[in-house]
N, C-alpha and C. Protein backbone atom coordinates (compact mmCIF):
# COMPACT_ATOMS: atom_id res chain seq x y z
N MET A 1 106.16 112.82 87.78
CA MET A 1 105.84 111.59 87.34
C MET A 1 104.69 111.21 87.01
N THR A 2 104.49 110.27 85.74
CA THR A 2 103.50 110.13 85.35
C THR A 2 102.34 108.93 86.13
N LYS A 3 101.45 108.25 86.17
CA LYS A 3 101.15 107.55 86.36
C LYS A 3 101.82 106.03 84.99
N GLU A 4 101.96 106.43 83.70
CA GLU A 4 102.19 106.01 82.63
C GLU A 4 104.23 105.28 83.36
N LYS A 5 104.88 106.45 83.65
CA LYS A 5 106.17 106.08 83.35
C LYS A 5 106.32 105.45 85.02
N TRP A 6 105.38 105.61 85.93
CA TRP A 6 105.27 104.45 86.86
C TRP A 6 105.24 103.12 86.58
N LEU A 7 104.15 102.67 85.81
CA LEU A 7 104.15 101.82 85.21
C LEU A 7 105.38 101.09 85.02
N ASP A 8 105.90 102.23 83.97
CA ASP A 8 107.15 101.50 82.96
C ASP A 8 108.26 101.08 84.07
N MET A 9 108.26 102.11 84.95
CA MET A 9 109.36 101.75 85.84
C MET A 9 109.25 100.53 86.88
N ILE A 10 108.14 100.24 86.91
CA ILE A 10 107.78 98.72 87.71
C ILE A 10 108.42 97.55 86.96
N ASP A 11 107.65 97.80 85.49
CA ASP A 11 108.00 96.89 84.30
C ASP A 11 109.70 96.51 84.50
N MET A 12 110.28 97.63 84.56
CA MET A 12 111.88 97.95 83.63
C MET A 12 112.59 97.49 85.50
N VAL A 13 112.23 97.44 86.54
CA VAL A 13 112.62 97.04 88.16
C VAL A 13 112.43 95.68 88.48
N GLU A 14 111.44 95.25 87.76
CA GLU A 14 110.58 93.86 87.38
C GLU A 14 111.62 93.09 86.84
N ASP A 15 112.11 93.39 85.13
CA ASP A 15 113.07 92.56 84.37
C ASP A 15 114.10 92.64 84.80
N LYS A 16 115.07 93.94 85.41
CA LYS A 16 116.10 93.89 85.83
C LYS A 16 116.43 92.92 87.05
N PHE A 17 115.73 93.61 88.40
CA PHE A 17 116.32 93.03 89.58
C PHE A 17 115.15 92.04 89.99
N GLY A 18 114.01 92.12 89.66
CA GLY A 18 112.78 91.07 90.47
C GLY A 18 112.45 92.27 91.89
N ILE A 19 111.18 91.84 92.21
CA ILE A 19 110.30 92.46 93.11
C ILE A 19 110.15 92.20 94.52
N ASP A 20 110.60 92.34 95.25
CA ASP A 20 110.46 91.69 96.68
C ASP A 20 109.64 91.82 97.14
N LYS A 21 108.77 92.77 97.31
CA LYS A 21 107.34 93.25 97.75
C LYS A 21 106.84 94.36 97.04
N GLU A 22 105.14 94.59 97.24
CA GLU A 22 104.78 95.33 96.57
C GLU A 22 103.32 95.75 97.06
N TYR A 23 103.42 96.41 98.09
CA TYR A 23 101.95 96.74 98.18
C TYR A 23 101.35 98.72 97.82
N LYS A 24 100.39 98.39 98.62
CA LYS A 24 99.63 99.99 99.15
C LYS A 24 99.59 100.34 100.11
N GLU A 25 99.58 101.84 100.18
CA GLU A 25 98.94 102.18 101.83
C GLU A 25 98.24 103.86 101.82
N ILE A 26 97.62 104.08 102.32
CA ILE A 26 97.28 105.77 102.19
C ILE A 26 98.14 106.29 103.23
N ILE A 27 97.84 107.34 102.82
CA ILE A 27 98.48 108.12 102.93
C ILE A 27 99.00 108.56 104.32
N SER A 28 97.60 109.22 105.03
CA SER A 28 96.95 109.23 106.32
C SER A 28 95.70 109.51 106.19
N PRO A 29 95.14 109.10 107.52
CA PRO A 29 93.56 109.81 107.87
C PRO A 29 93.17 110.24 107.76
N ASN A 30 94.24 111.73 107.60
CA ASN A 30 93.46 113.02 107.29
C ASN A 30 93.85 113.72 105.71
N ILE A 31 94.59 112.81 105.08
CA ILE A 31 94.77 113.61 103.29
C ILE A 31 94.18 112.04 102.71
N PRO A 32 93.45 112.23 101.72
CA PRO A 32 93.25 111.21 100.83
C PRO A 32 94.45 110.97 100.13
N GLY A 33 94.39 109.83 99.58
CA GLY A 33 95.73 109.21 98.71
C GLY A 33 95.63 108.14 99.09
N GLU A 34 96.96 107.49 98.07
CA GLU A 34 97.45 105.89 98.70
C GLU A 34 98.56 106.24 98.00
N LYS A 35 99.83 105.65 98.57
CA LYS A 35 100.90 105.29 98.63
C LYS A 35 101.42 104.20 97.91
N HIS A 36 102.24 104.05 96.19
CA HIS A 36 102.10 102.31 95.47
C HIS A 36 103.57 102.05 96.48
N ILE A 37 103.94 101.06 96.69
CA ILE A 37 105.48 101.37 97.28
C ILE A 37 106.01 99.96 96.65
N ILE A 38 106.97 99.49 96.14
CA ILE A 38 108.26 98.81 95.14
C ILE A 38 109.55 98.47 96.28
N GLU A 39 109.51 96.91 96.83
CA GLU A 39 110.85 97.10 97.42
C GLU A 39 111.63 96.11 96.57
N PHE A 40 113.03 96.12 96.16
CA PHE A 40 113.92 95.03 95.60
C PHE A 40 115.09 95.10 96.02
N SER A 41 115.94 94.38 95.35
CA SER A 41 116.96 94.01 95.61
C SER A 41 118.05 95.03 94.22
N GLY A 42 119.21 96.20 94.74
CA GLY A 42 118.90 96.68 93.53
C GLY A 42 120.00 97.25 93.04
N PRO A 43 120.97 97.93 92.85
CA PRO A 43 122.38 97.72 92.25
C PRO A 43 123.48 98.31 93.11
N ILE A 44 122.79 99.12 94.63
CA ILE A 44 123.53 99.42 95.50
C ILE A 44 122.45 99.07 96.99
N GLY A 45 122.32 97.74 97.10
CA GLY A 45 121.17 97.06 98.08
C GLY A 45 120.26 96.97 97.89
N ARG A 46 119.94 96.78 98.88
CA ARG A 46 118.29 96.47 99.57
C ARG A 46 117.34 98.54 98.87
N MET A 47 116.14 98.03 98.24
CA MET A 47 115.97 100.03 97.77
C MET A 47 114.20 99.64 98.01
N LYS A 48 113.49 101.20 97.77
CA LYS A 48 111.99 101.07 97.58
C LYS A 48 111.76 102.34 96.95
N ILE A 49 111.37 102.25 96.31
CA ILE A 49 110.52 103.19 95.40
C ILE A 49 108.79 103.39 95.79
N GLU A 50 108.52 104.31 95.61
CA GLU A 50 106.97 104.59 96.17
C GLU A 50 106.92 105.63 95.02
N PHE A 51 105.14 105.38 94.61
CA PHE A 51 104.56 106.19 94.03
C PHE A 51 103.21 106.65 94.49
N ILE A 52 102.98 108.47 95.10
CA ILE A 52 102.48 108.72 95.81
C ILE A 52 101.36 109.88 95.01
N GLU A 53 100.06 109.36 94.90
CA GLU A 53 98.53 109.99 93.90
C GLU A 53 97.80 111.04 95.14
N LYS A 54 97.43 111.82 95.24
CA LYS A 54 96.91 112.79 96.18
C LYS A 54 95.85 113.83 94.96
N PRO A 55 94.97 114.21 95.99
CA PRO A 55 94.01 115.38 95.10
C PRO A 55 94.90 116.48 95.41
N ARG A 56 94.89 117.46 94.37
CA ARG A 56 95.40 118.71 94.82
C ARG A 56 94.98 119.69 95.64
N VAL A 57 95.74 120.10 96.29
CA VAL A 57 94.80 120.78 97.28
C VAL A 57 94.38 122.41 96.85
N LEU A 58 92.77 122.80 97.30
CA LEU A 58 93.21 123.94 96.03
C LEU A 58 92.42 124.94 97.14
N ASP A 59 92.61 124.62 98.53
CA ASP A 59 92.39 125.97 99.42
C ASP A 59 92.60 125.52 100.87
N GLU A 60 93.04 125.98 101.43
CA GLU A 60 93.50 126.00 103.11
C GLU A 60 92.51 126.83 103.83
N LYS A 61 91.48 126.43 104.43
CA LYS A 61 90.52 127.57 105.71
C LYS A 61 91.05 127.04 107.33
N THR A 62 91.46 128.30 107.67
CA THR A 62 91.77 128.46 108.91
C THR A 62 90.26 128.94 109.83
N PHE A 63 90.21 128.06 111.09
CA PHE A 63 89.33 127.89 111.97
C PHE A 63 89.74 128.24 113.57
N TYR A 64 89.47 130.14 114.21
CA TYR A 64 90.18 130.04 115.21
C TYR A 64 89.35 131.20 115.71
N SER A 65 89.63 131.29 117.11
CA SER A 65 89.33 132.29 117.93
C SER A 65 90.52 132.98 118.65
N ASN A 66 90.17 134.16 118.80
CA ASN A 66 91.32 135.41 119.96
C ASN A 66 91.56 134.92 120.95
N ARG A 67 90.71 134.04 121.25
CA ARG A 67 91.12 133.61 123.10
C ARG A 67 92.23 132.88 123.40
N VAL A 68 92.46 133.37 124.32
CA VAL A 68 93.92 132.28 124.96
C VAL A 68 93.65 131.08 125.52
N GLY A 69 94.42 130.46 125.00
CA GLY A 69 94.73 128.52 125.16
C GLY A 69 93.80 128.24 124.24
N SER A 70 93.21 129.02 123.06
CA SER A 70 91.68 128.05 122.05
C SER A 70 93.28 127.53 121.08
N TYR A 71 92.51 126.56 120.17
CA TYR A 71 92.89 125.79 119.33
C TYR A 71 92.90 126.16 117.80
N VAL A 72 93.92 126.12 116.75
CA VAL A 72 93.72 126.10 115.02
C VAL A 72 93.50 125.18 114.90
N ASN A 73 91.93 125.00 114.09
CA ASN A 73 91.73 124.22 113.14
C ASN A 73 92.23 124.50 111.79
N VAL A 74 93.27 123.52 110.56
CA VAL A 74 93.24 124.00 109.51
C VAL A 74 92.09 123.12 108.46
N GLU A 75 91.75 123.26 107.68
CA GLU A 75 90.84 122.39 106.95
C GLU A 75 90.93 122.01 105.39
N LYS A 76 91.23 121.62 104.72
CA LYS A 76 92.00 121.55 103.29
C LYS A 76 90.75 121.75 102.57
N VAL A 77 90.60 122.31 101.29
CA VAL A 77 89.99 121.50 100.38
C VAL A 77 89.98 121.21 99.00
N TYR A 78 89.89 119.70 98.70
CA TYR A 78 90.83 119.20 98.19
C TYR A 78 89.78 119.20 96.55
N ASP A 79 90.63 119.10 95.19
CA ASP A 79 89.79 118.78 93.87
C ASP A 79 89.68 117.39 93.66
N LYS A 80 88.15 117.42 93.57
CA LYS A 80 87.99 116.11 93.10
C LYS A 80 88.43 115.00 91.77
N LYS A 81 89.12 116.23 91.13
CA LYS A 81 88.91 115.42 90.09
C LYS A 81 90.80 115.70 89.34
N ASP A 82 91.69 116.97 89.92
CA ASP A 82 92.77 116.63 89.84
C ASP A 82 93.60 116.16 90.75
N LYS A 83 94.58 115.16 90.04
CA LYS A 83 95.62 114.67 90.75
C LYS A 83 96.71 115.48 90.92
N VAL A 84 97.44 115.11 91.51
CA VAL A 84 99.65 115.49 92.14
C VAL A 84 99.65 113.97 91.80
N CYS A 85 101.03 113.79 91.72
CA CYS A 85 101.96 112.39 91.17
C CYS A 85 103.33 113.25 92.43
N TYR A 86 103.65 112.30 92.75
CA TYR A 86 104.86 112.42 93.75
C TYR A 86 105.74 111.19 93.56
N PHE A 87 107.49 111.12 93.65
CA PHE A 87 107.89 109.55 93.13
C PHE A 87 109.15 109.65 94.02
N ASN A 88 109.21 108.77 95.17
CA ASN A 88 110.26 108.94 95.99
C ASN A 88 110.69 107.57 95.80
N ALA A 89 112.53 107.57 96.15
CA ALA A 89 113.37 106.65 96.15
C ALA A 89 114.21 106.65 97.27
N TYR A 90 114.18 105.21 98.06
CA TYR A 90 115.16 105.05 99.50
C TYR A 90 115.89 103.84 99.13
N LYS A 91 117.01 103.67 100.05
CA LYS A 91 117.88 102.88 99.78
C LYS A 91 118.33 102.85 101.31
N TRP A 92 118.34 100.85 101.94
CA TRP A 92 118.36 100.45 102.91
C TRP A 92 119.57 101.37 103.94
N ASP A 93 119.36 101.49 105.07
CA ASP A 93 120.88 101.98 105.54
C ASP A 93 121.34 101.00 106.77
N GLU A 94 122.09 100.30 106.87
CA GLU A 94 121.98 98.92 107.93
C GLU A 94 122.48 100.07 109.30
N ALA A 95 123.33 100.79 109.00
CA ALA A 95 123.84 101.62 110.60
C ALA A 95 122.48 102.15 111.13
N SER A 96 121.83 102.85 110.47
CA SER A 96 120.73 103.48 111.36
C SER A 96 118.99 102.44 111.16
N GLU A 97 119.32 101.29 110.69
CA GLU A 97 118.62 100.37 110.00
C GLU A 97 116.89 101.33 110.09
N GLY A 98 117.36 101.81 108.82
CA GLY A 98 115.89 102.43 108.51
C GLY A 98 116.07 103.04 106.81
N TRP A 99 115.56 103.72 106.48
CA TRP A 99 115.21 103.65 105.00
C TRP A 99 115.89 105.68 104.78
N GLU A 100 116.79 105.80 103.46
CA GLU A 100 117.38 106.74 103.75
C GLU A 100 117.08 107.46 101.75
N GLN A 101 116.27 108.40 102.51
CA GLN A 101 116.13 108.91 100.78
C GLN A 101 117.22 108.87 99.96
N ILE A 102 116.89 108.99 98.56
CA ILE A 102 118.07 108.93 97.71
C ILE A 102 117.33 110.06 96.34
N ASN A 103 118.83 110.47 95.51
CA ASN A 103 117.82 111.41 94.60
C ASN A 103 117.31 110.87 93.57
N ALA A 104 116.17 110.40 93.34
CA ALA A 104 115.42 110.12 92.81
C ALA A 104 115.99 110.48 90.65
N ASP A 105 116.95 110.80 90.84
CA ASP A 105 117.52 110.79 89.34
C ASP A 105 118.50 110.16 88.92
N PHE A 106 118.26 109.25 90.28
CA PHE A 106 119.08 107.83 89.43
C PHE A 106 118.70 107.02 88.69
N PHE A 107 117.18 106.83 88.94
CA PHE A 107 116.25 105.99 88.30
C PHE A 107 116.07 106.67 86.17
N GLN A 108 116.83 107.87 86.18
CA GLN A 108 115.89 108.80 85.33
C GLN A 108 117.46 108.62 83.78
């Protein structure tokens, strides 16, 4: 999904259902990038969609020693210009009181 399609989807959700909550989060302290999250009440109940944008991984370097008990360190090299984007959709599951991932084709 591209940034333009994501913005179109936000407009569509806002027009059809209204937005309950909108916020951004970092992916992880070790991974650069962020998630843009929208929560709303949709046709199947409470829903959440997220757009993840992060730099493309160019290389992974592994540092280790052959000694017993030593640890392995993996260092990832990210592209400074090229970004990759992901789209995830979730619905609220009352039984488990948590988010359950649904097929993103539902929104296409």
